[in-house]
């Protein structure tokens, strides 16, 4: 019998995380990766909220939120490919939803590559619906689908869950 992997530990992203984040960014988004400067600019903005998911003490993914009044944007979400399907993306999104709620966001948006079926399926399961199409949005001319989710709240479906834990408390009693 194989033990279930421990849930990821979520914590705020720090500049020291950028080498690992940029490595993952370049591997997952080779046609349009964010630069170190872009991440540093994002981390410096009070309207932003960025997290790193750690698995076995190493960065396994990251995500970011822009919250501006009652509207928010999932700026980015990435998970190490070898760890896909283990709930890391879901945990990151649940934490973004919780933070969006704390900040008074009522409508949450995101863009996702039209050819990224796996991500689109996750977003749909979590209550996002397609509201638009941005043709040739990415540098490689791929289209983006714009999606919307009203009234962000931690995703349902986990018995006994009161929502996403505060970053850094995952897996702690």
N, C-alpha and C. Protein backbone atom coordinates (compact mmCIF):
# COMPACT_ATOMS: atom_id res chain seq x y z
N UNK A 1 0.84 -1.17 0.00
CA UNK A 1 0.00 0.00 0.00
C UNK A 1 0.89 1.24 0.00
N UNK A 2 0.62 2.16 -0.92
CA UNK A 2 1.41 3.37 -1.05
C UNK A 2 0.77 4.49 -0.25
N UNK A 3 1.57 5.20 0.51
CA UNK A 3 1.06 6.32 1.29
C UNK A 3 0.72 7.48 0.37
N UNK A 4 -0.34 8.19 0.73
CA UNK A 4 -0.70 9.40 0.00
C UNK A 4 0.37 10.45 0.21
N UNK A 5 0.72 11.22 -0.83
CA UNK A 5 1.70 12.28 -0.63
C UNK A 5 1.14 13.33 0.33
N UNK A 6 2.03 13.92 1.09
CA UNK A 6 1.62 14.98 2.01
C UNK A 6 1.08 16.16 1.21
N UNK A 7 0.11 16.88 1.78
CA UNK A 7 -0.39 18.05 1.07
C UNK A 7 0.73 19.08 0.92
N UNK A 8 0.66 19.89 -0.12
CA UNK A 8 1.71 20.88 -0.30
C UNK A 8 1.66 21.92 0.82
N UNK A 9 2.81 22.45 1.13
CA UNK A 9 2.90 23.56 2.07
C UNK A 9 2.86 24.83 1.23
N UNK A 10 1.89 25.69 1.48
CA UNK A 10 1.77 26.95 0.76
C UNK A 10 2.34 28.07 1.61
N UNK A 11 3.09 28.95 0.95
CA UNK A 11 3.66 30.09 1.65
C UNK A 11 3.83 31.24 0.67
N UNK A 12 3.95 32.46 1.19
CA UNK A 12 4.14 33.59 0.27
C UNK A 12 5.43 33.44 -0.54
N UNK A 13 5.34 33.83 -1.81
CA UNK A 13 6.53 33.81 -2.67
C UNK A 13 7.47 34.93 -2.22
N UNK A 14 8.76 34.62 -2.26
CA UNK A 14 9.81 35.58 -1.90
C UNK A 14 10.80 35.68 -3.06
N UNK A 15 11.53 36.78 -3.16
CA UNK A 15 12.53 36.89 -4.22
C UNK A 15 13.50 35.70 -4.25
N UNK A 16 13.81 35.12 -3.11
CA UNK A 16 14.72 33.97 -3.07
C UNK A 16 14.15 32.76 -3.80
N UNK A 17 12.83 32.72 -4.03
CA UNK A 17 12.20 31.61 -4.75
C UNK A 17 12.35 31.74 -6.26
N UNK A 18 12.77 32.90 -6.74
CA UNK A 18 12.73 33.16 -8.18
C UNK A 18 13.59 32.23 -9.03
N UNK A 19 14.76 31.78 -8.60
CA UNK A 19 15.47 30.83 -9.48
C UNK A 19 14.62 29.58 -9.79
N UNK A 20 14.00 28.99 -8.79
CA UNK A 20 13.17 27.80 -9.03
C UNK A 20 11.90 28.16 -9.80
N UNK A 21 11.30 29.29 -9.46
CA UNK A 21 10.09 29.74 -10.15
C UNK A 21 10.39 30.00 -11.62
N UNK A 22 11.49 30.69 -11.90
CA UNK A 22 11.84 31.00 -13.29
C UNK A 22 12.19 29.74 -14.09
N UNK A 23 12.81 28.77 -13.44
CA UNK A 23 13.10 27.50 -14.11
C UNK A 23 11.80 26.83 -14.54
N UNK A 24 10.84 26.75 -13.63
CA UNK A 24 9.55 26.14 -13.95
C UNK A 24 8.81 26.98 -15.00
N UNK A 25 8.85 28.28 -14.86
CA UNK A 25 8.20 29.19 -15.81
C UNK A 25 8.71 28.95 -17.24
N UNK A 26 10.02 28.85 -17.39
CA UNK A 26 10.61 28.65 -18.72
C UNK A 26 10.27 27.29 -19.31
N UNK A 27 10.19 26.28 -18.44
CA UNK A 27 9.86 24.94 -18.94
C UNK A 27 8.39 24.82 -19.33
N UNK A 28 7.50 25.44 -18.55
CA UNK A 28 6.07 25.32 -18.83
C UNK A 28 5.57 26.30 -19.87
N UNK A 29 6.19 27.47 -19.94
CA UNK A 29 5.72 28.52 -20.85
C UNK A 29 6.87 29.00 -21.74
N UNK A 30 7.48 28.11 -22.52
CA UNK A 30 8.68 28.48 -23.27
C UNK A 30 8.44 29.60 -24.29
N UNK A 31 7.25 29.72 -24.80
CA UNK A 31 6.97 30.76 -25.78
C UNK A 31 6.68 32.12 -25.20
N UNK A 32 6.44 32.19 -23.90
CA UNK A 32 6.02 33.45 -23.29
C UNK A 32 6.32 33.48 -21.79
N UNK A 33 7.57 33.16 -21.38
CA UNK A 33 7.85 33.14 -19.94
C UNK A 33 7.97 34.54 -19.36
N UNK A 34 7.56 34.67 -18.11
CA UNK A 34 7.77 35.93 -17.40
C UNK A 34 9.26 36.03 -17.05
N UNK A 35 9.74 37.25 -16.94
CA UNK A 35 11.13 37.50 -16.57
C UNK A 35 11.26 37.69 -15.06
N UNK A 36 12.48 37.67 -14.60
CA UNK A 36 12.76 37.95 -13.19
C UNK A 36 12.19 39.32 -12.81
N UNK A 37 12.41 40.31 -13.65
CA UNK A 37 11.92 41.67 -13.39
C UNK A 37 10.40 41.68 -13.26
N UNK A 38 9.70 40.95 -14.12
CA UNK A 38 8.23 40.90 -14.04
C UNK A 38 7.79 40.34 -12.70
N UNK A 39 8.41 39.25 -12.27
CA UNK A 39 8.04 38.67 -10.97
C UNK A 39 8.37 39.64 -9.84
N UNK A 40 9.54 40.26 -9.88
CA UNK A 40 9.89 41.22 -8.82
C UNK A 40 8.90 42.38 -8.78
N UNK A 41 8.50 42.88 -9.93
CA UNK A 41 7.51 43.96 -9.98
C UNK A 41 6.18 43.50 -9.39
N UNK A 42 5.77 42.28 -9.72
CA UNK A 42 4.52 41.74 -9.17
C UNK A 42 4.60 41.62 -7.64
N UNK A 43 5.71 41.08 -7.14
CA UNK A 43 5.86 40.88 -5.70
C UNK A 43 5.85 42.20 -4.94
N UNK A 44 6.23 43.29 -5.59
CA UNK A 44 6.31 44.60 -4.93
C UNK A 44 4.96 45.31 -4.85
N UNK A 45 3.96 44.81 -5.55
CA UNK A 45 2.66 45.49 -5.61
C UNK A 45 1.73 45.02 -4.47
N UNK A 46 1.17 45.95 -3.70
CA UNK A 46 0.27 45.54 -2.62
C UNK A 46 -1.03 44.90 -3.12
N UNK A 47 -1.39 45.13 -4.36
CA UNK A 47 -2.61 44.52 -4.91
C UNK A 47 -2.38 43.08 -5.38
N UNK A 48 -1.16 42.58 -5.22
CA UNK A 48 -0.82 41.23 -5.67
C UNK A 48 -0.63 40.29 -4.48
N UNK A 49 -0.82 39.01 -4.75
CA UNK A 49 -0.67 37.96 -3.74
C UNK A 49 -0.11 36.74 -4.45
N UNK A 50 1.14 36.39 -4.15
CA UNK A 50 1.81 35.27 -4.81
C UNK A 50 2.19 34.22 -3.79
N UNK A 51 1.98 32.96 -4.17
CA UNK A 51 2.27 31.83 -3.30
C UNK A 51 3.20 30.84 -4.00
N UNK A 52 3.95 30.12 -3.21
CA UNK A 52 4.73 28.98 -3.67
C UNK A 52 4.18 27.76 -2.94
N UNK A 53 4.02 26.67 -3.68
CA UNK A 53 3.65 25.38 -3.08
C UNK A 53 4.92 24.56 -2.97
N UNK A 54 5.21 24.07 -1.77
CA UNK A 54 6.38 23.22 -1.56
C UNK A 54 5.92 21.79 -1.35
N UNK A 55 6.64 20.88 -1.96
CA UNK A 55 6.41 19.45 -1.78
C UNK A 55 7.78 18.86 -1.48
N UNK A 56 7.90 18.16 -0.38
CA UNK A 56 9.18 17.56 0.04
C UNK A 56 10.27 18.63 0.13
N UNK A 57 9.90 19.83 0.59
CA UNK A 57 10.87 20.90 0.82
C UNK A 57 11.34 21.63 -0.42
N UNK A 58 10.75 21.31 -1.57
CA UNK A 58 11.15 21.96 -2.82
C UNK A 58 9.94 22.64 -3.47
N UNK A 59 10.16 23.76 -4.18
CA UNK A 59 9.03 24.39 -4.88
C UNK A 59 8.43 23.42 -5.89
N UNK A 60 7.13 23.25 -5.80
CA UNK A 60 6.41 22.36 -6.69
C UNK A 60 5.45 23.12 -7.59
N UNK A 61 5.23 24.39 -7.29
CA UNK A 61 4.32 25.20 -8.08
C UNK A 61 4.22 26.59 -7.49
N UNK A 62 3.50 27.43 -8.19
CA UNK A 62 3.29 28.80 -7.73
C UNK A 62 2.03 29.35 -8.39
N UNK A 63 1.51 30.41 -7.79
CA UNK A 63 0.32 31.07 -8.33
C UNK A 63 0.29 32.51 -7.86
N UNK A 64 -0.42 33.34 -8.62
CA UNK A 64 -0.52 34.74 -8.26
C UNK A 64 -1.90 35.31 -8.52
N UNK A 65 -2.26 36.27 -7.70
CA UNK A 65 -3.55 36.95 -7.75
C UNK A 65 -3.33 38.45 -7.84
N UNK A 66 -4.12 39.12 -8.66
CA UNK A 66 -4.24 40.57 -8.66
C UNK A 66 -5.64 40.88 -8.13
N UNK A 67 -5.74 41.68 -7.08
CA UNK A 67 -7.03 42.06 -6.53
C UNK A 67 -7.15 43.57 -6.62
N UNK A 68 -8.15 44.04 -7.37
CA UNK A 68 -8.38 45.47 -7.55
C UNK A 68 -9.86 45.75 -7.32
N UNK A 69 -10.18 46.20 -6.12
CA UNK A 69 -11.58 46.43 -5.80
C UNK A 69 -12.35 45.13 -5.79
N UNK A 70 -13.47 45.10 -6.48
CA UNK A 70 -14.30 43.90 -6.51
C UNK A 70 -13.92 42.93 -7.62
N UNK A 71 -12.87 43.25 -8.38
CA UNK A 71 -12.43 42.35 -9.44
C UNK A 71 -11.04 41.83 -9.16
N UNK A 72 -10.81 40.60 -9.56
CA UNK A 72 -9.50 39.99 -9.39
C UNK A 72 -9.14 39.19 -10.62
N UNK A 73 -7.85 38.92 -10.75
CA UNK A 73 -7.32 38.12 -11.85
C UNK A 73 -6.37 37.08 -11.29
N UNK A 74 -6.53 35.84 -11.73
CA UNK A 74 -5.50 34.85 -11.49
C UNK A 74 -4.42 35.19 -12.52
N UNK A 75 -3.30 35.71 -12.04
CA UNK A 75 -2.24 36.17 -12.93
C UNK A 75 -1.44 35.02 -13.52
N UNK A 76 -1.21 33.99 -12.72
CA UNK A 76 -0.42 32.85 -13.17
C UNK A 76 -0.66 31.66 -12.26
N UNK A 77 -0.45 30.48 -12.81
CA UNK A 77 -0.54 29.24 -12.05
C UNK A 77 0.36 28.24 -12.75
N UNK A 78 1.24 27.61 -12.00
CA UNK A 78 2.14 26.61 -12.59
C UNK A 78 2.42 25.53 -11.57
N UNK A 79 2.49 24.30 -12.04
CA UNK A 79 2.80 23.15 -11.20
C UNK A 79 3.83 22.29 -11.94
N UNK A 80 4.81 21.81 -11.21
CA UNK A 80 5.83 20.92 -11.76
C UNK A 80 5.15 19.76 -12.48
N UNK A 81 5.45 19.51 -13.77
CA UNK A 81 4.74 18.47 -14.52
C UNK A 81 4.75 17.09 -13.87
N UNK A 82 5.81 16.71 -13.23
CA UNK A 82 5.86 15.40 -12.58
C UNK A 82 4.93 15.29 -11.38
N UNK A 83 4.36 16.41 -10.97
CA UNK A 83 3.46 16.42 -9.81
C UNK A 83 2.02 16.75 -10.20
N UNK A 84 1.74 16.81 -11.49
CA UNK A 84 0.37 17.08 -11.93
C UNK A 84 -0.56 15.98 -11.42
N UNK A 85 -1.79 16.37 -11.13
CA UNK A 85 -2.79 15.41 -10.68
C UNK A 85 -2.74 15.09 -9.20
N UNK A 86 -1.92 15.81 -8.45
CA UNK A 86 -1.79 15.55 -7.00
C UNK A 86 -2.45 16.62 -6.14
N UNK A 87 -3.22 17.52 -6.76
CA UNK A 87 -3.96 18.52 -5.99
C UNK A 87 -3.20 19.80 -5.69
N UNK A 88 -2.01 19.96 -6.26
CA UNK A 88 -1.22 21.16 -5.97
C UNK A 88 -1.86 22.39 -6.62
N UNK A 89 -2.27 22.27 -7.88
CA UNK A 89 -2.94 23.39 -8.54
C UNK A 89 -4.22 23.77 -7.83
N UNK A 90 -4.97 22.78 -7.42
CA UNK A 90 -6.22 23.02 -6.70
C UNK A 90 -5.94 23.73 -5.37
N UNK A 91 -4.93 23.28 -4.64
CA UNK A 91 -4.59 23.91 -3.37
C UNK A 91 -4.19 25.37 -3.57
N UNK A 92 -3.39 25.62 -4.61
CA UNK A 92 -2.99 27.00 -4.90
C UNK A 92 -4.21 27.86 -5.24
N UNK A 93 -5.10 27.33 -6.07
CA UNK A 93 -6.30 28.10 -6.44
C UNK A 93 -7.21 28.31 -5.24
N UNK A 94 -7.39 27.30 -4.39
CA UNK A 94 -8.21 27.48 -3.19
C UNK A 94 -7.65 28.61 -2.33
N UNK A 95 -6.33 28.66 -2.20
CA UNK A 95 -5.71 29.73 -1.41
C UNK A 95 -5.92 31.09 -2.07
N UNK A 96 -5.84 31.15 -3.40
CA UNK A 96 -6.12 32.42 -4.08
C UNK A 96 -7.57 32.83 -3.91
N UNK A 97 -8.49 31.85 -3.98
CA UNK A 97 -9.90 32.16 -3.78
C UNK A 97 -10.14 32.73 -2.38
N UNK A 98 -9.52 32.12 -1.38
CA UNK A 98 -9.68 32.59 -0.01
C UNK A 98 -9.15 34.01 0.14
N UNK A 99 -7.98 34.28 -0.43
CA UNK A 99 -7.41 35.62 -0.35
C UNK A 99 -8.27 36.62 -1.11
N UNK A 100 -8.78 36.23 -2.26
CA UNK A 100 -9.67 37.11 -3.02
C UNK A 100 -10.89 37.48 -2.17
N UNK A 101 -11.45 36.50 -1.48
CA UNK A 101 -12.59 36.78 -0.60
C UNK A 101 -12.22 37.73 0.52
N UNK A 102 -11.04 37.55 1.13
CA UNK A 102 -10.60 38.46 2.19
C UNK A 102 -10.44 39.88 1.68
N UNK A 103 -10.10 40.01 0.41
CA UNK A 103 -9.88 41.34 -0.17
C UNK A 103 -11.13 41.93 -0.79
N UNK A 104 -12.25 41.24 -0.68
CA UNK A 104 -13.52 41.77 -1.17
C UNK A 104 -13.77 41.59 -2.66
N UNK A 105 -13.02 40.69 -3.29
CA UNK A 105 -13.21 40.42 -4.71
C UNK A 105 -14.53 39.68 -4.90
N UNK A 106 -15.34 40.16 -5.85
CA UNK A 106 -16.63 39.53 -6.15
C UNK A 106 -16.61 38.77 -7.47
N UNK A 107 -15.70 39.16 -8.37
CA UNK A 107 -15.60 38.53 -9.68
C UNK A 107 -14.13 38.25 -9.96
N UNK A 108 -13.85 37.01 -10.30
CA UNK A 108 -12.48 36.59 -10.55
C UNK A 108 -12.36 36.16 -12.02
N UNK A 109 -11.30 36.61 -12.68
CA UNK A 109 -11.07 36.33 -14.09
C UNK A 109 -9.72 35.65 -14.27
N UNK A 110 -9.52 35.05 -15.43
CA UNK A 110 -8.22 34.52 -15.81
C UNK A 110 -8.20 34.33 -17.32
N UNK A 111 -7.00 34.23 -17.86
CA UNK A 111 -6.80 33.84 -19.24
C UNK A 111 -6.06 32.50 -19.22
N UNK A 112 -6.45 31.63 -20.12
CA UNK A 112 -5.80 30.33 -20.25
C UNK A 112 -5.64 30.03 -21.73
N UNK A 113 -4.51 29.42 -22.08
CA UNK A 113 -4.28 29.07 -23.48
C UNK A 113 -5.41 28.17 -23.96
N UNK A 114 -5.91 28.45 -25.14
CA UNK A 114 -6.98 27.64 -25.72
C UNK A 114 -6.57 26.19 -25.90
N UNK A 115 -5.26 25.95 -26.06
CA UNK A 115 -4.79 24.58 -26.27
C UNK A 115 -4.39 23.87 -24.97
N UNK A 116 -4.65 24.49 -23.82
CA UNK A 116 -4.30 23.88 -22.53
C UNK A 116 -5.54 23.22 -21.93
N UNK A 117 -5.88 22.06 -22.46
CA UNK A 117 -7.10 21.36 -22.03
C UNK A 117 -7.08 21.00 -20.56
N UNK A 118 -5.92 20.60 -20.04
CA UNK A 118 -5.82 20.19 -18.64
C UNK A 118 -6.18 21.35 -17.71
N UNK A 119 -5.60 22.52 -17.95
CA UNK A 119 -5.89 23.69 -17.12
C UNK A 119 -7.35 24.14 -17.28
N UNK A 120 -7.83 24.13 -18.50
CA UNK A 120 -9.23 24.54 -18.73
C UNK A 120 -10.18 23.62 -17.97
N UNK A 121 -9.90 22.32 -17.95
CA UNK A 121 -10.75 21.38 -17.23
C UNK A 121 -10.73 21.67 -15.72
N UNK A 122 -9.56 21.96 -15.17
CA UNK A 122 -9.46 22.30 -13.75
C UNK A 122 -10.28 23.55 -13.45
N UNK A 123 -10.10 24.58 -14.25
CA UNK A 123 -10.82 25.84 -14.00
C UNK A 123 -12.33 25.63 -14.10
N UNK A 124 -12.77 24.83 -15.06
CA UNK A 124 -14.20 24.55 -15.19
C UNK A 124 -14.72 23.80 -13.97
N UNK A 125 -13.96 22.80 -13.49
CA UNK A 125 -14.38 22.06 -12.29
C UNK A 125 -14.51 23.00 -11.08
N UNK A 126 -13.71 24.06 -11.06
CA UNK A 126 -13.72 24.98 -9.93
C UNK A 126 -14.67 26.16 -10.13
N UNK A 127 -15.53 26.08 -11.13
CA UNK A 127 -16.59 27.06 -11.28
C UNK A 127 -16.35 28.18 -12.27
N UNK A 128 -15.26 28.15 -13.01
CA UNK A 128 -15.03 29.16 -14.03
C UNK A 128 -15.81 28.81 -15.29
N UNK A 129 -16.30 29.83 -15.99
CA UNK A 129 -16.95 29.65 -17.27
C UNK A 129 -16.28 30.56 -18.30
N UNK A 130 -16.31 30.13 -19.55
CA UNK A 130 -15.71 30.92 -20.61
C UNK A 130 -16.57 32.15 -20.88
N UNK A 131 -15.93 33.31 -20.95
CA UNK A 131 -16.65 34.56 -21.24
C UNK A 131 -16.08 35.29 -22.45
N UNK A 132 -14.96 34.81 -22.97
CA UNK A 132 -14.38 35.49 -24.13
C UNK A 132 -13.24 34.72 -24.73
N UNK A 133 -12.78 35.22 -25.87
CA UNK A 133 -11.65 34.63 -26.58
C UNK A 133 -10.77 35.78 -27.05
N UNK A 134 -9.49 35.70 -26.75
CA UNK A 134 -8.52 36.69 -27.20
C UNK A 134 -7.64 36.02 -28.24
N UNK A 135 -7.90 36.36 -29.47
CA UNK A 135 -7.16 35.74 -30.58
C UNK A 135 -5.71 36.22 -30.59
N UNK A 136 -4.80 35.24 -30.81
CA UNK A 136 -3.37 35.52 -30.92
C UNK A 136 -2.85 36.32 -29.71
N UNK A 137 -3.31 35.96 -28.52
CA UNK A 137 -2.98 36.68 -27.29
C UNK A 137 -1.53 36.48 -26.86
N UNK A 138 -1.02 35.27 -27.05
CA UNK A 138 0.33 34.95 -26.60
C UNK A 138 1.35 35.23 -27.70
N UNK A 139 2.61 35.37 -27.28
CA UNK A 139 3.68 35.69 -28.24
C UNK A 139 3.75 34.71 -29.40
N UNK A 140 3.44 33.44 -29.13
CA UNK A 140 3.48 32.45 -30.21
C UNK A 140 2.18 32.43 -31.01
N UNK A 141 1.34 33.42 -30.79
CA UNK A 141 0.08 33.65 -31.51
C UNK A 141 -1.04 32.69 -31.10
N UNK A 142 -0.84 31.95 -30.03
CA UNK A 142 -1.91 31.07 -29.53
C UNK A 142 -3.03 31.94 -28.95
N UNK A 143 -4.24 31.44 -29.05
CA UNK A 143 -5.40 32.15 -28.49
C UNK A 143 -5.48 31.94 -26.99
N UNK A 144 -6.12 32.89 -26.31
CA UNK A 144 -6.42 32.77 -24.89
C UNK A 144 -7.93 32.76 -24.70
N UNK A 145 -8.37 31.91 -23.82
CA UNK A 145 -9.77 31.91 -23.42
C UNK A 145 -9.86 32.69 -22.11
N UNK A 146 -10.76 33.64 -22.06
CA UNK A 146 -11.01 34.41 -20.85
C UNK A 146 -12.12 33.69 -20.08
N UNK A 147 -11.86 33.47 -18.79
CA UNK A 147 -12.84 32.77 -17.95
C UNK A 147 -13.18 33.62 -16.73
N UNK A 148 -14.36 33.38 -16.17
CA UNK A 148 -14.87 34.15 -15.04
C UNK A 148 -15.46 33.20 -13.99
N UNK A 149 -15.29 33.60 -12.74
CA UNK A 149 -15.88 32.88 -11.62
C UNK A 149 -16.43 33.91 -10.65
N UNK A 150 -17.75 33.92 -10.42
CA UNK A 150 -18.31 34.90 -9.49
C UNK A 150 -18.08 34.51 -8.04
N UNK A 151 -18.08 35.50 -7.18
CA UNK A 151 -18.02 35.32 -5.73
C UNK A 151 -17.01 34.27 -5.30
N UNK A 152 -15.72 34.52 -5.50
CA UNK A 152 -14.73 33.51 -5.13
C UNK A 152 -14.87 33.07 -3.69
N UNK A 153 -14.75 31.80 -3.51
CA UNK A 153 -14.75 31.18 -2.19
C UNK A 153 -13.98 29.88 -2.34
N UNK A 154 -13.43 29.35 -1.28
CA UNK A 154 -12.74 28.07 -1.41
C UNK A 154 -13.66 27.04 -2.08
N UNK A 155 -13.10 26.27 -2.97
CA UNK A 155 -13.88 25.29 -3.71
C UNK A 155 -14.49 24.27 -2.76
N UNK A 156 -15.72 23.87 -3.06
CA UNK A 156 -16.42 22.89 -2.23
C UNK A 156 -15.90 21.50 -2.54
N UNK A 157 -16.28 20.56 -1.72
CA UNK A 157 -15.99 19.18 -2.04
C UNK A 157 -15.07 18.49 -1.06
N UNK A 158 -14.55 19.20 -0.09
CA UNK A 158 -13.70 18.55 0.91
C UNK A 158 -14.45 18.57 2.23
N UNK A 159 -14.89 17.42 2.64
CA UNK A 159 -15.63 17.32 3.88
C UNK A 159 -14.82 17.87 5.03
N UNK A 160 -15.47 18.68 5.85
CA UNK A 160 -14.82 19.22 7.03
C UNK A 160 -13.90 20.38 6.75
N UNK A 161 -13.79 20.79 5.49
CA UNK A 161 -12.89 21.90 5.16
C UNK A 161 -13.60 23.21 5.34
N UNK A 162 -12.97 24.10 6.04
CA UNK A 162 -13.50 25.44 6.18
C UNK A 162 -12.87 26.36 5.15
N UNK A 163 -12.25 25.81 4.13
CA UNK A 163 -11.60 26.62 3.12
C UNK A 163 -10.12 26.36 3.11
N UNK A 164 -9.42 27.16 2.34
CA UNK A 164 -7.97 26.99 2.24
C UNK A 164 -7.31 27.44 3.52
N UNK A 165 -6.30 26.72 3.96
CA UNK A 165 -5.59 27.13 5.16
C UNK A 165 -4.76 28.37 4.89
N UNK A 166 -4.40 29.05 5.94
CA UNK A 166 -3.48 30.16 5.82
C UNK A 166 -2.16 29.64 5.29
N UNK A 167 -1.50 30.41 4.41
CA UNK A 167 -0.21 29.93 3.89
C UNK A 167 0.75 29.60 5.03
N UNK A 168 1.46 28.49 4.86
CA UNK A 168 2.43 28.06 5.84
C UNK A 168 1.88 27.14 6.91
N UNK A 169 0.53 26.94 6.92
CA UNK A 169 -0.05 26.10 7.96
C UNK A 169 -0.49 24.74 7.45
N UNK A 170 -0.36 24.49 6.14
CA UNK A 170 -0.83 23.23 5.58
C UNK A 170 -0.10 22.06 6.21
N UNK A 171 -0.84 21.03 6.50
CA UNK A 171 -0.26 19.82 7.04
C UNK A 171 0.13 19.91 8.50
N UNK A 172 -0.17 21.05 9.15
CA UNK A 172 0.14 21.21 10.57
C UNK A 172 -1.11 20.93 11.38
N UNK A 173 -0.96 20.34 12.55
CA UNK A 173 -2.14 20.03 13.38
C UNK A 173 -2.82 21.28 13.90
